[in-house]
C-alpha atoms as a PDB file:
ATOM      1  CA  UNK A   1     -11.092  13.180  -8.407  1.00  0.00           C
ATOM      2  CA  UNK A   2     -12.205  16.730  -7.578  1.00  0.00           C
ATOM      3  CA  UNK A   3      -8.584  17.881  -7.512  1.00  0.00           C
ATOM      4  CA  UNK A   4      -7.941  16.301 -10.929  1.00  0.00           C
ATOM      5  CA  UNK A   5     -11.036  17.845 -12.495  1.00  0.00           C
ATOM      6  CA  UNK A   6     -10.052  21.317 -11.310  1.00  0.00           C
ATOM      7  CA  UNK A   7      -6.521  20.815 -12.657  1.00  0.00           C
ATOM      8  CA  UNK A   8      -7.741  19.787 -16.120  1.00  0.00           C
ATOM      9  CA  UNK A   9      -8.907  23.332 -16.850  1.00  0.00           C
ATOM     10  CA  UNK A  10      -5.611  24.815 -15.687  1.00  0.00           C
ATOM     11  CA  UNK A  11      -3.679  22.336 -17.880  1.00  0.00           C
ATOM     12  CA  UNK A  12      -5.680  23.588 -20.878  1.00  0.00           C
ATOM     13  CA  UNK A  13      -5.122  27.188 -19.807  1.00  0.00           C
ATOM     14  CA  UNK A  14      -1.368  26.965 -19.175  1.00  0.00           C
ATOM     15  CA  UNK A  15      -0.157  24.152 -21.449  1.00  0.00           C
ATOM     16  CA  UNK A  16       2.025  22.789 -18.605  1.00  0.00           C
ATOM     17  CA  UNK A  17       3.175  19.203 -19.145  1.00  0.00           C
ATOM     18  CA  UNK A  18       4.278  18.989 -15.510  1.00  0.00           C
ATOM     19  CA  UNK A  19       0.751  19.794 -14.349  1.00  0.00           C
ATOM     20  CA  UNK A  20      -0.579  17.370 -16.972  1.00  0.00           C
ATOM     21  CA  UNK A  21       1.545  14.607 -15.426  1.00  0.00           C
ATOM     22  CA  UNK A  22       0.280  15.567 -11.969  1.00  0.00           C
ATOM     23  CA  UNK A  23      -3.330  15.577 -13.199  1.00  0.00           C
ATOM     24  CA  UNK A  24      -2.987  12.166 -14.855  1.00  0.00           C
ATOM     25  CA  UNK A  25      -1.605  10.817 -11.611  1.00  0.00           C
ATOM     26  CA  UNK A  26      -4.459  12.343  -9.626  1.00  0.00           C
ATOM     27  CA  UNK A  27      -7.034  10.638 -11.857  1.00  0.00           C
ATOM     28  CA  UNK A  28      -5.111   7.360 -11.487  1.00  0.00           C
ATOM     29  CA  UNK A  29      -5.118   7.846  -7.713  1.00  0.00           C
ATOM     30  CA  UNK A  30      -8.873   8.355  -7.718  1.00  0.00           C
ATOM     31  CA  UNK A  31      -9.251   5.271  -9.907  1.00  0.00           C
ATOM     32  CA  UNK A  32      -7.396   3.068  -7.425  1.00  0.00           C
ATOM     33  CA  UNK A  33     -10.260   3.555  -4.960  1.00  0.00           C
ATOM     34  CA  UNK A  34     -12.452   1.387  -7.218  1.00  0.00           C
ATOM     35  CA  UNK A  35     -10.577  -1.943  -6.844  1.00  0.00           C
ATOM     36  CA  UNK A  36     -10.134  -1.207  -3.125  1.00  0.00           C
ATOM     37  CA  UNK A  37     -13.866  -0.650  -2.671  1.00  0.00           C
ATOM     38  CA  UNK A  38     -14.612  -3.911  -4.514  1.00  0.00           C
ATOM     39  CA  UNK A  39     -12.031  -5.788  -2.418  1.00  0.00           C
ATOM     40  CA  UNK A  40     -13.294  -4.532   0.935  1.00  0.00           C
ATOM     41  CA  UNK A  41     -16.896  -5.240  -0.081  1.00  0.00           C
ATOM     42  CA  UNK A  42     -16.095  -8.840  -1.039  1.00  0.00           C
ATOM     43  CA  UNK A  43     -13.890  -9.361   2.025  1.00  0.00           C
ATOM     44  CA  UNK A  44     -16.889  -8.771   4.285  1.00  0.00           C
ATOM     45  CA  UNK A  45     -18.619 -11.863   2.920  1.00  0.00           C
ATOM     46  CA  UNK A  46     -18.721 -14.846   5.245  1.00  0.00           C
ATOM     47  CA  UNK A  47     -16.651 -17.979   4.435  1.00  0.00           C
ATOM     48  CA  UNK A  48     -18.428 -20.581   2.330  1.00  0.00           C
ATOM     49  CA  UNK A  49     -17.911 -24.241   1.436  1.00  0.00           C
ATOM     50  CA  UNK A  50     -16.029 -23.138  -1.676  1.00  0.00           C
ATOM     51  CA  UNK A  51     -14.087 -20.236  -0.125  1.00  0.00           C
ATOM     52  CA  UNK A  52     -13.449 -21.586   3.360  1.00  0.00           C
ATOM     53  CA  UNK A  53     -11.096 -18.700   4.257  1.00  0.00           C
ATOM     54  CA  UNK A  54     -13.477 -16.076   2.901  1.00  0.00           C
ATOM     55  CA  UNK A  55     -12.601 -13.621   0.107  1.00  0.00           C
ATOM     56  CA  UNK A  56      -9.951 -11.584   1.893  1.00  0.00           C
ATOM     57  CA  UNK A  57      -7.403 -12.552  -0.758  1.00  0.00           C
ATOM     58  CA  UNK A  58      -9.238 -10.268  -3.206  1.00  0.00           C
ATOM     59  CA  UNK A  59      -7.537  -7.409  -1.380  1.00  0.00           C
ATOM     60  CA  UNK A  60      -4.159  -8.689  -2.607  1.00  0.00           C
ATOM     61  CA  UNK A  61      -5.502  -8.681  -6.171  1.00  0.00           C
ATOM     62  CA  UNK A  62      -6.659  -5.101  -5.628  1.00  0.00           C
ATOM     63  CA  UNK A  63      -3.138  -4.208  -4.491  1.00  0.00           C
ATOM     64  CA  UNK A  64      -1.710  -5.622  -7.721  1.00  0.00           C
ATOM     65  CA  UNK A  65      -4.271  -3.628  -9.715  1.00  0.00           C
ATOM     66  CA  UNK A  66      -3.239  -0.458  -7.863  1.00  0.00           C
ATOM     67  CA  UNK A  67       0.437  -1.049  -8.651  1.00  0.00           C
ATOM     68  CA  UNK A  68      -0.412  -1.512 -12.342  1.00  0.00           C
ATOM     69  CA  UNK A  69      -2.511   1.674 -12.377  1.00  0.00           C
ATOM     70  CA  UNK A  70       0.330   3.659 -10.813  1.00  0.00           C
ATOM     71  CA  UNK A  71       2.802   2.175 -13.326  1.00  0.00           C
ATOM     72  CA  UNK A  72       0.504   3.144 -16.215  1.00  0.00           C
ATOM     73  CA  UNK A  73       0.245   6.729 -14.969  1.00  0.00           C
ATOM     74  CA  UNK A  74       4.056   6.892 -14.722  1.00  0.00           C
ATOM     75  CA  UNK A  75       4.375   5.699 -18.325  1.00  0.00           C
ATOM     76  CA  UNK A  76       1.919   8.289 -19.644  1.00  0.00           C
ATOM     77  CA  UNK A  77       3.514  11.117 -17.652  1.00  0.00           C
ATOM     78  CA  UNK A  78       7.009  10.114 -18.809  1.00  0.00           C
ATOM     79  CA  UNK A  79       6.033   9.974 -22.490  1.00  0.00           C
ATOM     80  CA  UNK A  80       4.371  13.396 -22.327  1.00  0.00           C
ATOM     81  CA  UNK A  81       7.399  14.927 -20.588  1.00  0.00           C
ATOM     82  CA  UNK A  82       9.895  13.533 -23.121  1.00  0.00           C
ATOM     83  CA  UNK A  83       7.770  14.762 -26.026  1.00  0.00           C
ATOM     84  CA  UNK A  84       7.637  18.246 -24.510  1.00  0.00           C
ATOM     85  CA  UNK A  85      11.419  18.223 -24.057  1.00  0.00           C
ATOM     86  CA  UNK A  86      11.825  17.444 -27.749  1.00  0.00           C
ATOM     87  CA  UNK A  87       9.100  19.855 -28.845  1.00  0.00           C
ATOM     88  CA  UNK A  88       8.956  22.612 -26.197  1.00  0.00           C
ATOM     89  CA  UNK A  89       5.930  24.917 -26.024  1.00  0.00           C
ATOM     90  CA  UNK A  90       5.227  28.074 -24.073  1.00  0.00           C
ATOM     91  CA  UNK A  91       3.832  27.731 -20.586  1.00  0.00           C
ATOM     92  CA  UNK A  92       1.341  30.503 -19.746  1.00  0.00           C
ATOM     93  CA  UNK A  93      -0.606  31.734 -16.721  1.00  0.00           C
ATOM     94  CA  UNK A  94       2.062  30.819 -14.184  1.00  0.00           C
ATOM     95  CA  UNK A  95      -0.028  32.113 -11.278  1.00  0.00           C
ATOM     96  CA  UNK A  96      -2.881  29.751 -12.114  1.00  0.00           C
ATOM     97  CA  UNK A  97      -0.368  26.933 -12.610  1.00  0.00           C
ATOM     98  CA  UNK A  98       1.128  27.419  -9.144  1.00  0.00           C
ATOM     99  CA  UNK A  99      -2.356  27.678  -7.604  1.00  0.00           C
ATOM    100  CA  UNK A 100      -3.481  24.424  -9.223  1.00  0.00           C
ATOM    101  CA  UNK A 101      -0.315  22.663  -8.098  1.00  0.00           C
ATOM    102  CA  UNK A 102      -0.826  23.923  -4.531  1.00  0.00           C
ATOM    103  CA  UNK A 103      -4.393  22.611  -4.660  1.00  0.00           C
ATOM    104  CA  UNK A 104      -3.063  19.251  -5.850  1.00  0.00           C
ATOM    105  CA  UNK A 105      -0.593  19.112  -2.970  1.00  0.00           C
ATOM    106  CA  UNK A 106      -3.230  19.848  -0.305  1.00  0.00           C
ATOM    107  CA  UNK A 107      -5.812  17.460  -1.762  1.00  0.00           C
ATOM    108  CA  UNK A 108      -3.360  14.580  -2.079  1.00  0.00           C
ATOM    109  CA  UNK A 109      -1.769  15.023   1.332  1.00  0.00           C
ATOM    110  CA  UNK A 110      -5.180  14.968   3.035  1.00  0.00           C
ATOM    111  CA  UNK A 111      -6.076  11.818   1.090  1.00  0.00           C
ATOM    112  CA  UNK A 112      -2.717  10.224   1.929  1.00  0.00           C
ATOM    113  CA  UNK A 113      -3.066  10.849   5.671  1.00  0.00           C
ATOM    114  CA  UNK A 114      -6.549   9.298   5.753  1.00  0.00           C
ATOM    115  CA  UNK A 115      -5.515   6.218   3.754  1.00  0.00           C
ATOM    116  CA  UNK A 116      -2.241   5.611   5.584  1.00  0.00           C
ATOM    117  CA  UNK A 117      -3.814   5.920   9.038  1.00  0.00           C
ATOM    118  CA  UNK A 118      -6.599   3.531   8.131  1.00  0.00           C
ATOM    119  CA  UNK A 119      -4.286   1.150   6.253  1.00  0.00           C
ATOM    120  CA  UNK A 120      -1.911   0.888   9.223  1.00  0.00           C
ATOM    121  CA  UNK A 121      -4.775   0.478  11.688  1.00  0.00           C
ATOM    122  CA  UNK A 122      -6.255  -2.482   9.781  1.00  0.00           C
ATOM    123  CA  UNK A 123      -2.886  -3.697   8.363  1.00  0.00           C
ATOM    124  CA  UNK A 124      -3.981  -3.436   4.724  1.00  0.00           C
ATOM    125  CA  UNK A 125      -1.011  -3.542   2.314  1.00  0.00           C
ATOM    126  CA  UNK A 126      -3.244  -2.419  -0.556  1.00  0.00           C
ATOM    127  CA  UNK A 127      -4.561   0.620   1.316  1.00  0.00           C
ATOM    128  CA  UNK A 128      -1.087   1.537   2.597  1.00  0.00           C
ATOM    129  CA  UNK A 129       0.241   1.333  -0.978  1.00  0.00           C
ATOM    130  CA  UNK A 130      -2.589   3.592  -2.084  1.00  0.00           C
ATOM    131  CA  UNK A 131      -1.772   6.011   0.724  1.00  0.00           C
ATOM    132  CA  UNK A 132       1.858   6.276  -0.343  1.00  0.00           C
ATOM    133  CA  UNK A 133       0.595   6.718  -3.884  1.00  0.00           C
ATOM    134  CA  UNK A 134      -1.416   9.770  -2.780  1.00  0.00           C
ATOM    135  CA  UNK A 135       1.540  11.095  -0.776  1.00  0.00           C
ATOM    136  CA  UNK A 136       3.730  10.885  -3.866  1.00  0.00           C
ATOM    137  CA  UNK A 137       1.085  12.837  -5.749  1.00  0.00           C
ATOM    138  CA  UNK A 138       1.544  15.602  -3.216  1.00  0.00           C
ATOM    139  CA  UNK A 139       5.289  15.641  -3.826  1.00  0.00           C
ATOM    140  CA  UNK A 140       4.739  15.723  -7.590  1.00  0.00           C
ATOM    141  CA  UNK A 141       2.587  18.828  -7.136  1.00  0.00           C
ATOM    142  CA  UNK A 142       5.566  20.536  -5.472  1.00  0.00           C
ATOM    143  CA  UNK A 143       7.652  19.584  -8.516  1.00  0.00           C
ATOM    144  CA  UNK A 144       5.078  21.389 -10.699  1.00  0.00           C
ATOM    145  CA  UNK A 145       5.557  24.533  -8.605  1.00  0.00           C
ATOM    146  CA  UNK A 146       9.336  24.233  -8.977  1.00  0.00           C
ATOM    147  CA  UNK A 147       8.941  23.918 -12.746  1.00  0.00           C
ATOM    148  CA  UNK A 148       6.703  27.005 -12.852  1.00  0.00           C
ATOM    149  CA  UNK A 149       9.287  29.003 -10.922  1.00  0.00           C
ATOM    150  CA  UNK A 150      11.956  27.843 -13.394  1.00  0.00           C
ATOM    151  CA  UNK A 151       9.847  29.004 -16.337  1.00  0.00           C
ATOM    152  CA  UNK A 152       9.305  32.381 -14.635  1.00  0.00           C
ATOM    153  CA  UNK A 153      13.077  32.752 -14.221  1.00  0.00           C
ATOM    154  CA  UNK A 154      13.576  32.202 -17.954  1.00  0.00           C
ATOM    155  CA  UNK A 155      14.136  28.430 -18.223  1.00  0.00           C
ATOM    156  CA  UNK A 156      11.272  27.069 -20.382  1.00  0.00           C
ATOM    157  CA  UNK A 157      12.557  23.488 -20.185  1.00  0.00           C
ATOM    158  CA  UNK A 158      12.059  23.553 -16.423  1.00  0.00           C
ATOM    159  CA  UNK A 159       8.429  22.464 -16.942  1.00  0.00           C
ATOM    160  CA  UNK A 160       9.104  19.199 -18.857  1.00  0.00           C
ATOM    161  CA  UNK A 161      12.079  18.483 -16.573  1.00  0.00           C
ATOM    162  CA  UNK A 162       9.697  18.780 -13.621  1.00  0.00           C
ATOM    163  CA  UNK A 163       7.443  16.336 -15.457  1.00  0.00           C
ATOM    164  CA  UNK A 164      10.303  13.832 -15.682  1.00  0.00           C
ATOM    165  CA  UNK A 165      11.083  14.279 -11.984  1.00  0.00           C
ATOM    166  CA  UNK A 166       7.447  13.524 -11.241  1.00  0.00           C
ATOM    167  CA  UNK A 167       7.700  10.378 -13.368  1.00  0.00           C
ATOM    168  CA  UNK A 168      10.754   9.182 -11.412  1.00  0.00           C
ATOM    169  CA  UNK A 169       8.942   9.788  -8.119  1.00  0.00           C
ATOM    170  CA  UNK A 170       6.019   7.709  -9.369  1.00  0.00           C
ATOM    171  CA  UNK A 171       8.356   4.888 -10.478  1.00  0.00           C
ATOM    172  CA  UNK A 172       9.918   4.842  -6.996  1.00  0.00           C
ATOM    173  CA  UNK A 173       6.560   4.425  -5.295  1.00  0.00           C
ATOM    174  CA  UNK A 174       5.641   1.698  -7.818  1.00  0.00           C
ATOM    175  CA  UNK A 175       8.711  -0.264  -6.747  1.00  0.00           C
ATOM    176  CA  UNK A 176       8.061   0.178  -3.013  1.00  0.00           C
ATOM    177  CA  UNK A 177       4.392  -0.722  -3.291  1.00  0.00           C
ATOM    178  CA  UNK A 178       5.030  -3.695  -5.575  1.00  0.00           C
ATOM    179  CA  UNK A 179       7.463  -5.260  -3.088  1.00  0.00           C
ATOM    180  CA  UNK A 180       4.907  -5.142  -0.274  1.00  0.00           C
ATOM    181  CA  UNK A 181       1.914  -6.214  -2.345  1.00  0.00           C
ATOM    182  CA  UNK A 182       3.604  -9.116  -4.130  1.00  0.00           C
ATOM    183  CA  UNK A 183       5.269 -10.339  -0.915  1.00  0.00           C
ATOM    184  CA  UNK A 184       1.877 -10.658   0.734  1.00  0.00           C
ATOM    185  CA  UNK A 185       0.363 -12.205  -2.402  1.00  0.00           C
ATOM    186  CA  UNK A 186       3.016 -14.942  -2.148  1.00  0.00           C
ATOM    187  CA  UNK A 187       2.200 -15.548   1.544  1.00  0.00           C
ATOM    188  CA  UNK A 188       5.234 -13.623   2.715  1.00  0.00           C
ATOM    189  CA  UNK A 189       5.262 -11.840   6.072  1.00  0.00           C
ATOM    190  CA  UNK A 190       7.530  -9.347   7.754  1.00  0.00           C
ATOM    191  CA  UNK A 191      10.432 -11.018   9.595  1.00  0.00           C
ATOM    192  CA  UNK A 192       9.476  -9.266  12.842  1.00  0.00           C
ATOM    193  CA  UNK A 193       6.105 -11.033  12.754  1.00  0.00           C
ATOM    194  CA  UNK A 194       7.707 -14.465  13.138  1.00  0.00           C
ATOM    195  CA  UNK A 195      10.072 -13.041  15.756  1.00  0.00           C
ATOM    196  CA  UNK A 196       7.132 -11.731  17.776  1.00  0.00           C
ATOM    197  CA  UNK A 197       5.453 -15.157  17.662  1.00  0.00           C
ATOM    198  CA  UNK A 198       8.694 -16.787  18.865  1.00  0.00           C
ATOM    199  CA  UNK A 199       8.875 -14.268  21.685  1.00  0.00           C
ATOM    200  CA  UNK A 200       5.263 -15.011  22.654  1.00  0.00           C
ATOM    201  CA  UNK A 201       5.977 -18.744  22.865  1.00  0.00           C
ATOM    202  CA  UNK A 202       8.739 -18.104  25.402  1.00  0.00           C
ATOM    203  CA  UNK A 203       6.001 -17.097  27.851  1.00  0.00           C
ATOM    204  CA  UNK A 204       4.127 -20.410  27.561  1.00  0.00           C
ATOM    205  CA  UNK A 205       4.968 -23.120  30.088  1.00  0.00           C
ATOM    206  CA  UNK A 206       5.207 -26.775  29.069  1.00  0.00           C
ATOM    207  CA  UNK A 207       6.790 -26.269  25.642  1.00  0.00           C
ATOM    208  CA  UNK A 208       9.953 -28.321  25.122  1.00  0.00           C
ATOM    209  CA  UNK A 209      10.690 -27.147  21.587  1.00  0.00           C
ATOM    210  CA  UNK A 210       9.115 -25.057  18.818  1.00  0.00           C
ATOM    211  CA  UNK A 211       8.938 -27.185  15.686  1.00  0.00           C
ATOM    212  CA  UNK A 212       7.159 -24.954  13.192  1.00  0.00           C
ATOM    213  CA  UNK A 213       5.836 -21.414  12.812  1.00  0.00           C
ATOM    214  CA  UNK A 214       3.850 -20.339   9.791  1.00  0.00           C
ATOM    215  CA  UNK A 215       2.110 -17.053   9.159  1.00  0.00           C
ATOM    216  CA  UNK A 216       0.441 -15.397   6.202  1.00  0.00           C
ATOM    217  CA  UNK A 217      -1.746 -12.445   5.366  1.00  0.00           C
ATOM    218  CA  UNK A 218      -5.206 -12.975   3.934  1.00  0.00           C
ATOM    219  CA  UNK A 219      -6.111  -9.476   2.861  1.00  0.00           C
ATOM    220  CA  UNK A 220      -5.447  -7.295   5.907  1.00  0.00           C
ATOM    221  CA  UNK A 221      -5.849 -10.113   8.440  1.00  0.00           C
ATOM    222  CA  UNK A 222      -2.939 -12.188   9.740  1.00  0.00           C
ATOM    223  CA  UNK A 223      -3.261 -15.963  10.250  1.00  0.00           C
ATOM    224  CA  UNK A 224      -0.682 -18.128  12.025  1.00  0.00           C
ATOM    225  CA  UNK A 225      -0.011 -21.821  12.671  1.00  0.00           C
ATOM    226  CA  UNK A 226       2.258 -23.075  15.450  1.00  0.00           C
ATOM    227  CA  UNK A 227       3.508 -26.629  16.095  1.00  0.00           C
ATOM    228  CA  UNK A 228       5.340 -27.346  19.360  1.00  0.00           C
ATOM    229  CA  UNK A 229       6.603 -30.407  21.207  1.00  0.00           C
ATOM    230  CA  UNK A 230       5.823 -31.221  24.847  1.00  0.00           C
ATOM    231  CA  UNK A 231       6.515 -34.081  27.240  1.00  0.00           C
ATOM    232  CA  UNK A 232       4.991 -37.382  26.155  1.00  0.00           C
ATOM    233  CA  UNK A 233       3.409 -38.052  29.548  1.00  0.00           C
ATOM    234  CA  UNK A 234       1.089 -35.039  29.331  1.00  0.00           C
ATOM    235  CA  UNK A 235      -2.620 -35.759  29.438  1.00  0.00           C
ATOM    236  CA  UNK A 236      -4.920 -34.639  26.637  1.00  0.00           C
ATOM    237  CA  UNK A 237      -6.319 -31.933  28.887  1.00  0.00           C
ATOM    238  CA  UNK A 238      -2.833 -30.602  29.705  1.00  0.00           C
ATOM    239  CA  UNK A 239      -1.946 -30.508  25.999  1.00  0.00           C
ATOM    240  CA  UNK A 240      -5.138 -28.595  25.269  1.00  0.00           C
ATOM    241  CA  UNK A 241      -4.272 -26.093  28.004  1.00  0.00           C
ATOM    242  CA  UNK A 242      -0.848 -25.524  26.414  1.00  0.00           C
ATOM    243  CA  UNK A 243      -2.466 -25.020  22.991  1.00  0.00           C
ATOM    244  CA  UNK A 244      -4.928 -22.518  24.459  1.00  0.00           C
ATOM    245  CA  UNK A 245      -2.115 -20.674  26.261  1.00  0.00           C
ATOM    246  CA  UNK A 246      -0.228 -20.463  22.959  1.00  0.00           C
ATOM    247  CA  UNK A 247      -3.209 -18.956  21.165  1.00  0.00           C
ATOM    248  CA  UNK A 248      -3.859 -16.398  23.917  1.00  0.00           C
ATOM    249  CA  UNK A 249      -0.189 -15.407  24.255  1.00  0.00           C
ATOM    250  CA  UNK A 250       0.363 -15.002  20.508  1.00  0.00           C
ATOM    251  CA  UNK A 251      -2.790 -12.900  20.172  1.00  0.00           C
ATOM    252  CA  UNK A 252      -1.636 -10.772  23.102  1.00  0.00           C
ATOM    253  CA  UNK A 253       1.660 -10.020  21.341  1.00  0.00           C
ATOM    254  CA  UNK A 254       0.029  -9.558  17.922  1.00  0.00           C
ATOM    255  CA  UNK A 255      -3.316  -7.786  18.485  1.00  0.00           C
ATOM    256  CA  UNK A 256      -4.057  -7.626  14.734  1.00  0.00           C
ATOM    257  CA  UNK A 257      -3.837 -11.416  14.460  1.00  0.00           C
ATOM    258  CA  UNK A 258      -7.145 -12.819  13.172  1.00  0.00           C
ATOM    259  CA  UNK A 259      -6.556 -16.450  14.068  1.00  0.00           C
ATOM    260  CA  UNK A 260      -3.808 -18.732  15.386  1.00  0.00           C
ATOM    261  CA  UNK A 261      -3.889 -22.530  15.327  1.00  0.00           C
ATOM    262  CA  UNK A 262      -1.682 -24.396  17.798  1.00  0.00           C
ATOM    263  CA  UNK A 263      -0.788 -28.078  17.739  1.00  0.00           C
ATOM    264  CA  UNK A 264       1.024 -29.816  20.578  1.00  0.00           C
ATOM    265  CA  UNK A 265       3.032 -32.962  19.730  1.00  0.00           C
ATOM    266  CA  UNK A 266       4.447 -35.395  22.300  1.00  0.00           C
ATOM    267  CA  UNK A 267       8.193 -36.046  22.260  1.00  0.00           C
ATOM    268  CA  UNK A 268       8.505 -39.727  21.411  1.00  0.00           C
END
């Protein structure tokens, strides 16, 4: 937000549409922190009789909101860039323009590193998407600098062209983020997650066959269900031991797993 506010003045001073696109994106990036804050606040609430799994799913809704915010900023930046291509205007104060763009790059890269590290540590698709969003903002700031250099060399259309490049970069991150966010919203998981569960079950004695593996993300926590078959002559206590071994082994292979439920069926 601070980066965007400082850039607003330079946009007014220079008339750069590329910096305008970067500034719009910075404000959008700051705005995405709001749905994330709401989601993480609600996710801390304990499960209730109505929401027996808690409110972790709100984080997926926040991820969708973030994708829509990024898409909106891309639309605004693209429209402004096309208009400036059709009706070019002079870009002034190139030194201030480059300085503001450099500030935008530093501010966004610092934000991106913090969000990506935290998002990966807690396995939050929404926060990771927001981190990539901030990283893209940093790249768009470099495009502003390239446009300013083009204007200095005598190519006035370099500024709106840089604005269009920024728009394309934003669209790319929208697509990448949307795939992750919507996959998790539809209870999809990464293929390696199921593979890791299968590998964990190979270390459990007493399993004759693996009948079913299910996994899904609820916010940034992973939940799994496993159904296996064992010999019919096992006692109830032996079956419970197998189920407990399954839970411990799966959690050992997937440390970020919040909960795993194991059911042992006898082979009839």
